[in-house]
Amino acid sequence: RVTARYAKHHLPNYGVFDERRIFAPGDSPC
């Protein structure tokens, strides 16, 4: 089973990255 989940907090939005448009940020530590 899945025992833990962590969503990436900081979504890069420069250079080759376009994550802020695509993903929602996480806010909880793991």
PDB file of all heavy atoms in Angstrom:
ATOM      1  N   ARG A   1       0.829  -1.210   0.000  1.00  0.00           N
ATOM      2  CA  ARG A   1       0.000   0.000   0.000  1.00  0.00           C
ATOM      3  C   ARG A   1       0.860   1.255   0.000  1.00  0.00           C
ATOM      4  O   ARG A   1       2.077   1.205   0.216  1.00  0.00           O
ATOM      5  CB  ARG A   1      -0.936   0.003   1.214  1.00  0.00           C
ATOM      6  CG  ARG A   1      -0.201   0.060   2.550  1.00  0.00           C
ATOM      7  CD  ARG A   1      -1.159  -0.120   3.714  1.00  0.00           C
ATOM      8  NE  ARG A   1      -0.452   0.000   4.995  1.00  0.00           N
ATOM      9  CZ  ARG A   1      -0.283   1.151   5.640  1.00  0.00           C
ATOM     10  NH1 ARG A   1      -0.782   2.274   5.125  1.00  0.00           N
ATOM     11  NH2 ARG A   1       0.365   1.189   6.784  1.00  0.00           N
ATOM     12  N   VAL A   2       0.207   2.387  -0.251  1.00  0.00           N
ATOM     13  CA  VAL A   2       0.861   3.690  -0.175  1.00  0.00           C
ATOM     14  C   VAL A   2       0.885   4.122   1.283  1.00  0.00           C
ATOM     15  O   VAL A   2      -0.173   4.254   1.919  1.00  0.00           O
ATOM     16  CB  VAL A   2       0.117   4.740  -1.029  1.00  0.00           C
ATOM     17  CG1 VAL A   2       0.780   6.106  -0.876  1.00  0.00           C
ATOM     18  CG2 VAL A   2       0.088   4.318  -2.490  1.00  0.00           C
ATOM     19  N   THR A   3       2.082   4.350   1.816  1.00  0.00           N
ATOM     20  CA  THR A   3       2.204   4.712   3.231  1.00  0.00           C
ATOM     21  C   THR A   3       2.429   6.202   3.448  1.00  0.00           C
ATOM     22  O   THR A   3       2.260   6.695   4.572  1.00  0.00           O
ATOM     23  CB  THR A   3       3.365   3.940   3.884  1.00  0.00           C
ATOM     24  OG1 THR A   3       4.578   4.228   3.174  1.00  0.00           O
ATOM     25  CG2 THR A   3       3.103   2.432   3.834  1.00  0.00           C
ATOM     26  N   ALA A   4       2.816   6.930   2.402  1.00  0.00           N
ATOM     27  CA  ALA A   4       3.030   8.374   2.558  1.00  0.00           C
ATOM     28  C   ALA A   4       2.985   9.034   1.190  1.00  0.00           C
ATOM     29  O   ALA A   4       3.314   8.416   0.169  1.00  0.00           O
ATOM     30  CB  ALA A   4       4.371   8.666   3.236  1.00  0.00           C
ATOM     31  N   ARG A   5       2.561  10.299   1.184  1.00  0.00           N
ATOM     32  CA  ARG A   5       2.547  11.110  -0.038  1.00  0.00           C
ATOM     33  C   ARG A   5       3.125  12.479   0.277  1.00  0.00           C
ATOM     34  O   ARG A   5       2.892  13.036   1.338  1.00  0.00           O
ATOM     35  CB  ARG A   5       1.128  11.274  -0.591  1.00  0.00           C
ATOM     36  CG  ARG A   5       0.497   9.996  -1.120  1.00  0.00           C
ATOM     37  CD  ARG A   5      -0.897  10.264  -1.672  1.00  0.00           C
ATOM     38  NE  ARG A   5      -1.558   9.046  -2.136  1.00  0.00           N
ATOM     39  CZ  ARG A   5      -1.494   8.580  -3.373  1.00  0.00           C
ATOM     40  NH1 ARG A   5      -0.800   9.240  -4.284  1.00  0.00           N
ATOM     41  NH2 ARG A   5      -2.129   7.469  -3.701  1.00  0.00           N
ATOM     42  N   TYR A   6       3.861  12.996  -0.694  1.00  0.00           N
ATOM     43  CA  TYR A   6       4.436  14.334  -0.544  1.00  0.00           C
ATOM     44  C   TYR A   6       4.315  15.046  -1.884  1.00  0.00           C
ATOM     45  O   TYR A   6       4.770  14.525  -2.919  1.00  0.00           O
ATOM     46  CB  TYR A   6       5.904  14.244  -0.140  1.00  0.00           C
ATOM     47  CG  TYR A   6       6.631  15.576  -0.172  1.00  0.00           C
ATOM     48  CD1 TYR A   6       6.576  16.444   0.918  1.00  0.00           C
ATOM     49  CD2 TYR A   6       7.367  15.966  -1.289  1.00  0.00           C
ATOM     50  CE1 TYR A   6       7.231  17.667   0.889  1.00  0.00           C
ATOM     51  CE2 TYR A   6       8.029  17.188  -1.326  1.00  0.00           C
ATOM     52  CZ  TYR A   6       7.947  18.038  -0.231  1.00  0.00           C
ATOM     53  OH  TYR A   6       8.597  19.241  -0.260  1.00  0.00           O
ATOM     54  N   ALA A   7       3.697  16.206  -1.900  1.00  0.00           N
ATOM     55  CA  ALA A   7       3.571  17.007  -3.120  1.00  0.00           C
ATOM     56  C   ALA A   7       4.663  18.069  -3.140  1.00  0.00           C
ATOM     57  O   ALA A   7       4.870  18.786  -2.150  1.00  0.00           O
ATOM     58  CB  ALA A   7       2.195  17.661  -3.192  1.00  0.00           C
ATOM     59  N   LYS A   8       5.370  18.165  -4.236  1.00  0.00           N
ATOM     60  CA  LYS A   8       6.444  19.145  -4.418  1.00  0.00           C
ATOM     61  C   LYS A   8       5.935  20.552  -4.095  1.00  0.00           C
ATOM     62  O   LYS A   8       4.881  20.976  -4.585  1.00  0.00           O
ATOM     63  CB  LYS A   8       6.923  19.066  -5.879  1.00  0.00           C
ATOM     64  CG  LYS A   8       8.121  19.918  -6.239  1.00  0.00           C
ATOM     65  CD  LYS A   8       8.484  19.635  -7.703  1.00  0.00           C
ATOM     66  CE  LYS A   8       9.694  20.403  -8.177  1.00  0.00           C
ATOM     67  NZ  LYS A   8      10.029  20.071  -9.587  1.00  0.00           N
ATOM     68  N   HIS A   9       6.695  21.268  -3.266  1.00  0.00           N
ATOM     69  CA  HIS A   9       6.276  22.596  -2.825  1.00  0.00           C
ATOM     70  C   HIS A   9       6.591  23.674  -3.849  1.00  0.00           C
ATOM     71  O   HIS A   9       5.744  24.509  -4.179  1.00  0.00           O
ATOM     72  CB  HIS A   9       6.956  22.946  -1.505  1.00  0.00           C
ATOM     73  CG  HIS A   9       6.452  22.158  -0.342  1.00  0.00           C
ATOM     74  ND1 HIS A   9       6.622  22.547   0.965  1.00  0.00           N
ATOM     75  CD2 HIS A   9       5.771  20.979  -0.272  1.00  0.00           C
ATOM     76  CE1 HIS A   9       6.075  21.664   1.790  1.00  0.00           C
ATOM     77  NE2 HIS A   9       5.566  20.692   1.052  1.00  0.00           N
ATOM     78  N   HIS A  10       7.824  23.706  -4.291  1.00  0.00           N
ATOM     79  CA  HIS A  10       8.304  24.791  -5.151  1.00  0.00           C
ATOM     80  C   HIS A  10       8.305  24.324  -6.605  1.00  0.00           C
ATOM     81  O   HIS A  10       8.981  23.357  -6.965  1.00  0.00           O
ATOM     82  CB  HIS A  10       9.696  25.242  -4.714  1.00  0.00           C
ATOM     83  CG  HIS A  10       9.687  25.904  -3.372  1.00  0.00           C
ATOM     84  ND1 HIS A  10       9.318  27.209  -3.190  1.00  0.00           N
ATOM     85  CD2 HIS A  10       9.980  25.415  -2.141  1.00  0.00           C
ATOM     86  CE1 HIS A  10       9.389  27.513  -1.902  1.00  0.00           C
ATOM     87  NE2 HIS A  10       9.787  26.444  -1.246  1.00  0.00           N
ATOM     88  N   LEU A  11       7.531  25.001  -7.412  1.00  0.00           N
ATOM     89  CA  LEU A  11       7.315  24.610  -8.806  1.00  0.00           C
ATOM     90  C   LEU A  11       8.080  25.567  -9.711  1.00  0.00           C
ATOM     91  O   LEU A  11       7.703  26.736  -9.844  1.00  0.00           O
ATOM     92  CB  LEU A  11       5.823  24.644  -9.119  1.00  0.00           C
ATOM     93  CG  LEU A  11       4.966  23.765  -8.208  1.00  0.00           C
ATOM     94  CD1 LEU A  11       3.490  23.991  -8.480  1.00  0.00           C
ATOM     95  CD2 LEU A  11       5.323  22.288  -8.378  1.00  0.00           C
ATOM     96  N   PRO A  12       9.160  25.106 -10.333  1.00  0.00           N
ATOM     97  CA  PRO A  12       9.985  25.999 -11.143  1.00  0.00           C
ATOM     98  C   PRO A  12       9.230  26.523 -12.356  1.00  0.00           C
ATOM     99  O   PRO A  12       8.456  25.804 -12.982  1.00  0.00           O
ATOM    100  CB  PRO A  12      11.172  25.118 -11.552  1.00  0.00           C
ATOM    101  CG  PRO A  12      10.649  23.714 -11.458  1.00  0.00           C
ATOM    102  CD  PRO A  12       9.658  23.721 -10.344  1.00  0.00           C
ATOM    103  N   ASN A  13       9.485  27.763 -12.669  1.00  0.00           N
ATOM    104  CA  ASN A  13       8.776  28.427 -13.759  1.00  0.00           C
ATOM    105  C   ASN A  13       9.747  29.312 -14.534  1.00  0.00           C
ATOM    106  O   ASN A  13       9.446  30.463 -14.831  1.00  0.00           O
ATOM    107  CB  ASN A  13       7.631  29.270 -13.192  1.00  0.00           C
ATOM    108  CG  ASN A  13       6.518  29.482 -14.198  1.00  0.00           C
ATOM    109  OD1 ASN A  13       6.031  28.528 -14.787  1.00  0.00           O
ATOM    110  ND2 ASN A  13       6.128  30.723 -14.406  1.00  0.00           N
ATOM    111  N   TYR A  14      10.913  28.754 -14.859  1.00  0.00           N
ATOM    112  CA  TYR A  14      11.956  29.496 -15.563  1.00  0.00           C
ATOM    113  C   TYR A  14      12.678  28.519 -16.490  1.00  0.00           C
ATOM    114  O   TYR A  14      12.599  27.304 -16.336  1.00  0.00           O
ATOM    115  CB  TYR A  14      12.952  30.104 -14.577  1.00  0.00           C
ATOM    116  CG  TYR A  14      13.580  29.092 -13.639  1.00  0.00           C
ATOM    117  CD1 TYR A  14      14.721  28.381 -14.014  1.00  0.00           C
ATOM    118  CD2 TYR A  14      13.019  28.824 -12.397  1.00  0.00           C
ATOM    119  CE1 TYR A  14      15.283  27.448 -13.172  1.00  0.00           C
ATOM    120  CE2 TYR A  14      13.577  27.880 -11.551  1.00  0.00           C
ATOM    121  CZ  TYR A  14      14.707  27.191 -11.937  1.00  0.00           C
ATOM    122  OH  TYR A  14      15.263  26.257 -11.100  1.00  0.00           O
ATOM    123  N   GLY A  15      13.380  29.085 -17.476  1.00  0.00           N
ATOM    124  CA  GLY A  15      14.155  28.234 -18.382  1.00  0.00           C
ATOM    125  C   GLY A  15      13.286  27.181 -19.040  1.00  0.00           C
ATOM    126  O   GLY A  15      12.284  27.487 -19.689  1.00  0.00           O
ATOM    127  N   VAL A  16      13.646  25.917 -18.829  1.00  0.00           N
ATOM    128  CA  VAL A  16      12.927  24.812 -19.475  1.00  0.00           C
ATOM    129  C   VAL A  16      11.693  24.392 -18.685  1.00  0.00           C
ATOM    130  O   VAL A  16      10.949  23.511 -19.131  1.00  0.00           O
ATOM    131  CB  VAL A  16      13.860  23.592 -19.649  1.00  0.00           C
ATOM    132  CG1 VAL A  16      15.077  23.962 -20.454  1.00  0.00           C
ATOM    133  CG2 VAL A  16      14.266  23.004 -18.296  1.00  0.00           C
ATOM    134  N   PHE A  17      11.459  24.991 -17.526  1.00  0.00           N
ATOM    135  CA  PHE A  17      10.398  24.527 -16.638  1.00  0.00           C
ATOM    136  C   PHE A  17       9.139  25.383 -16.767  1.00  0.00           C
ATOM    137  O   PHE A  17       9.204  26.600 -16.896  1.00  0.00           O
ATOM    138  CB  PHE A  17      10.874  24.543 -15.184  1.00  0.00           C
ATOM    139  CG  PHE A  17      12.097  23.722 -14.940  1.00  0.00           C
ATOM    140  CD1 PHE A  17      13.326  24.323 -14.711  1.00  0.00           C
ATOM    141  CD2 PHE A  17      12.029  22.333 -14.926  1.00  0.00           C
ATOM    142  CE1 PHE A  17      14.461  23.571 -14.489  1.00  0.00           C
ATOM    143  CE2 PHE A  17      13.168  21.571 -14.703  1.00  0.00           C
ATOM    144  CZ  PHE A  17      14.385  22.190 -14.480  1.00  0.00           C
ATOM    145  N   ASP A  18       7.997  24.698 -16.658  1.00  0.00           N
ATOM    146  CA  ASP A  18       6.694  25.364 -16.766  1.00  0.00           C
ATOM    147  C   ASP A  18       5.735  24.746 -15.750  1.00  0.00           C
ATOM    148  O   ASP A  18       4.559  24.546 -16.024  1.00  0.00           O
ATOM    149  CB  ASP A  18       6.168  25.202 -18.200  1.00  0.00           C
ATOM    150  CG  ASP A  18       4.940  26.044 -18.470  1.00  0.00           C
ATOM    151  OD1 ASP A  18       4.743  27.053 -17.778  1.00  0.00           O
ATOM    152  OD2 ASP A  18       4.165  25.681 -19.375  1.00  0.00           O
ATOM    153  N   GLU A  19       6.248  24.437 -14.560  1.00  0.00           N
ATOM    154  CA  GLU A  19       5.467  23.637 -13.621  1.00  0.00           C
ATOM    155  C   GLU A  19       4.396  24.434 -12.883  1.00  0.00           C
ATOM    156  O   GLU A  19       3.375  23.875 -12.475  1.00  0.00           O
ATOM    157  CB  GLU A  19       6.397  22.959 -12.610  1.00  0.00           C
ATOM    158  CG  GLU A  19       7.270  21.893 -13.233  1.00  0.00           C
ATOM    159  CD  GLU A  19       7.877  20.952 -12.208  1.00  0.00           C
ATOM    160  OE1 GLU A  19       7.526  21.060 -11.012  1.00  0.00           O
ATOM    161  OE2 GLU A  19       8.689  20.110 -12.594  1.00  0.00           O
ATOM    162  N   ARG A  20       4.628  25.720 -12.693  1.00  0.00           N
ATOM    163  CA  ARG A  20       3.659  26.506 -11.927  1.00  0.00           C
ATOM    164  C   ARG A  20       2.308  26.568 -12.641  1.00  0.00           C
ATOM    165  O   ARG A  20       1.256  26.640 -12.011  1.00  0.00           O
ATOM    166  CB  ARG A  20       4.203  27.915 -11.680  1.00  0.00           C
ATOM    167  CG  ARG A  20       3.481  28.676 -10.580  1.00  0.00           C
ATOM    168  CD  ARG A  20       4.145  30.015 -10.342  1.00  0.00           C
ATOM    169  NE  ARG A  20       5.545  29.846  -9.967  1.00  0.00           N
ATOM    170  CZ  ARG A  20       6.444  30.834  -9.980  1.00  0.00           C
ATOM    171  NH1 ARG A  20       6.079  32.043 -10.398  1.00  0.00           N
ATOM    172  NH2 ARG A  20       7.685  30.613  -9.622  1.00  0.00           N
ATOM    173  N   ARG A  21       2.353  26.529 -13.963  1.00  0.00           N
ATOM    174  CA  ARG A  21       1.103  26.547 -14.730  1.00  0.00           C
ATOM    175  C   ARG A  21       0.377  25.211 -14.650  1.00  0.00           C
ATOM    176  O   ARG A  21      -0.854  25.153 -14.703  1.00  0.00           O
ATOM    177  CB  ARG A  21       1.405  26.865 -16.198  1.00  0.00           C
ATOM    178  CG  ARG A  21       0.194  26.870 -17.116  1.00  0.00           C
ATOM    179  CD  ARG A  21       0.581  27.145 -18.543  1.00  0.00           C
ATOM    180  NE  ARG A  21       1.420  26.113 -19.116  1.00  0.00           N
ATOM    181  CZ  ARG A  21       0.952  24.979 -19.638  1.00  0.00           C
ATOM    182  NH1 ARG A  21      -0.341  24.745 -19.648  1.00  0.00           N
ATOM    183  NH2 ARG A  21       1.777  24.086 -20.141  1.00  0.00           N
ATOM    184  N   ILE A  22       1.143  24.132 -14.500  1.00  0.00           N
ATOM    185  CA  ILE A  22       0.576  22.792 -14.622  1.00  0.00           C
ATOM    186  C   ILE A  22       0.158  22.207 -13.272  1.00  0.00           C
ATOM    187  O   ILE A  22      -0.930  21.648 -13.131  1.00  0.00           O
ATOM    188  CB  ILE A  22       1.596  21.863 -15.307  1.00  0.00           C
ATOM    189  CG1 ILE A  22       1.896  22.357 -16.722  1.00  0.00           C
ATOM    190  CG2 ILE A  22       1.100  20.420 -15.331  1.00  0.00           C
ATOM    191  CD1 ILE A  22       3.072  21.677 -17.374  1.00  0.00           C
ATOM    192  N   PHE A  23       1.040  22.318 -12.271  1.00  0.00           N
ATOM    193  CA  PHE A  23       0.825  21.634 -11.000  1.00  0.00           C
ATOM    194  C   PHE A  23       0.351  22.596  -9.905  1.00  0.00           C
ATOM    195  O   PHE A  23       0.628  23.796  -9.940  1.00  0.00           O
ATOM    196  CB  PHE A  23       2.116  20.966 -10.528  1.00  0.00           C
ATOM    197  CG  PHE A  23       2.646  19.907 -11.451  1.00  0.00           C
ATOM    198  CD1 PHE A  23       3.824  20.104 -12.153  1.00  0.00           C
ATOM    199  CD2 PHE A  23       1.965  18.710 -11.621  1.00  0.00           C
ATOM    200  CE1 PHE A  23       4.326  19.131 -12.998  1.00  0.00           C
ATOM    201  CE2 PHE A  23       2.452  17.731 -12.465  1.00  0.00           C
ATOM    202  CZ  PHE A  23       3.632  17.943 -13.149  1.00  0.00           C
ATOM    203  N   ALA A  24      -0.308  22.014  -8.934  1.00  0.00           N
ATOM    204  CA  ALA A  24      -0.619  22.724  -7.699  1.00  0.00           C
ATOM    205  C   ALA A  24       0.485  22.416  -6.693  1.00  0.00           C
ATOM    206  O   ALA A  24       0.948  21.272  -6.599  1.00  0.00           O
ATOM    207  CB  ALA A  24      -1.968  22.277  -7.148  1.00  0.00           C
ATOM    208  N   PRO A  25       0.945  23.401  -5.917  1.00  0.00           N
ATOM    209  CA  PRO A  25       2.023  23.145  -4.958  1.00  0.00           C
ATOM    210  C   PRO A  25       1.514  22.430  -3.714  1.00  0.00           C
ATOM    211  O   PRO A  25       0.352  22.582  -3.311  1.00  0.00           O
ATOM    212  CB  PRO A  25       2.514  24.550  -4.613  1.00  0.00           C
ATOM    213  CG  PRO A  25       1.301  25.410  -4.779  1.00  0.00           C
ATOM    214  CD  PRO A  25       0.531  24.811  -5.923  1.00  0.00           C
ATOM    215  N   GLY A  26       2.401  21.655  -3.096  1.00  0.00           N
ATOM    216  CA  GLY A  26       2.097  21.073  -1.802  1.00  0.00           C
ATOM    217  C   GLY A  26       2.504  22.027  -0.693  1.00  0.00           C
ATOM    218  O   GLY A  26       3.197  23.021  -0.934  1.00  0.00           O
ATOM    219  N   ASP A  27       2.097  21.710   0.529  1.00  0.00           N
ATOM    220  CA  ASP A  27       2.464  22.587   1.652  1.00  0.00           C
ATOM    221  C   ASP A  27       2.755  21.820   2.930  1.00  0.00           C
ATOM    222  O   ASP A  27       2.955  22.421   3.982  1.00  0.00           O
ATOM    223  CB  ASP A  27       1.362  23.621   1.907  1.00  0.00           C
ATOM    224  CG  ASP A  27      -0.002  22.992   2.173  1.00  0.00           C
ATOM    225  OD1 ASP A  27      -0.063  21.759   2.370  1.00  0.00           O
ATOM    226  OD2 ASP A  27      -0.995  23.739   2.183  1.00  0.00           O
ATOM    227  N   SER A  28       2.789  20.481   2.851  1.00  0.00           N
ATOM    228  CA  SER A  28       3.021  19.680   4.052  1.00  0.00           C
ATOM    229  C   SER A  28       4.358  18.965   3.973  1.00  0.00           C
ATOM    230  O   SER A  28       4.729  18.443   2.915  1.00  0.00           O
ATOM    231  CB  SER A  28       1.913  18.641   4.219  1.00  0.00           C
ATOM    232  OG  SER A  28       0.658  19.258   4.336  1.00  0.00           O
ATOM    233  N   PRO A  29       5.114  18.926   5.094  1.00  0.00           N
ATOM    234  CA  PRO A  29       6.380  18.181   5.091  1.00  0.00           C
ATOM    235  C   PRO A  29       6.121  16.682   5.126  1.00  0.00           C
ATOM    236  O   PRO A  29       4.997  16.226   5.365  1.00  0.00           O
ATOM    237  CB  PRO A  29       7.061  18.659   6.376  1.00  0.00           C
ATOM    238  CG  PRO A  29       5.923  19.011   7.275  1.00  0.00           C
ATOM    239  CD  PRO A  29       4.836  19.558   6.389  1.00  0.00           C
ATOM    240  N   CYS A  30       7.178  15.912   4.886  1.00  0.00           N
ATOM    241  CA  CYS A  30       7.047  14.457   4.914  1.00  0.00           C
ATOM    242  C   CYS A  30       8.302  13.850   5.537  1.00  0.00           C
ATOM    243  O   CYS A  30       9.419  14.090   5.063  1.00  0.00           O
ATOM    244  CB  CYS A  30       6.851  13.909   3.505  1.00  0.00           C
ATOM    245  SG  CYS A  30       6.586  12.119   3.442  1.00  0.00           S
TER     246      CYS A  30
END
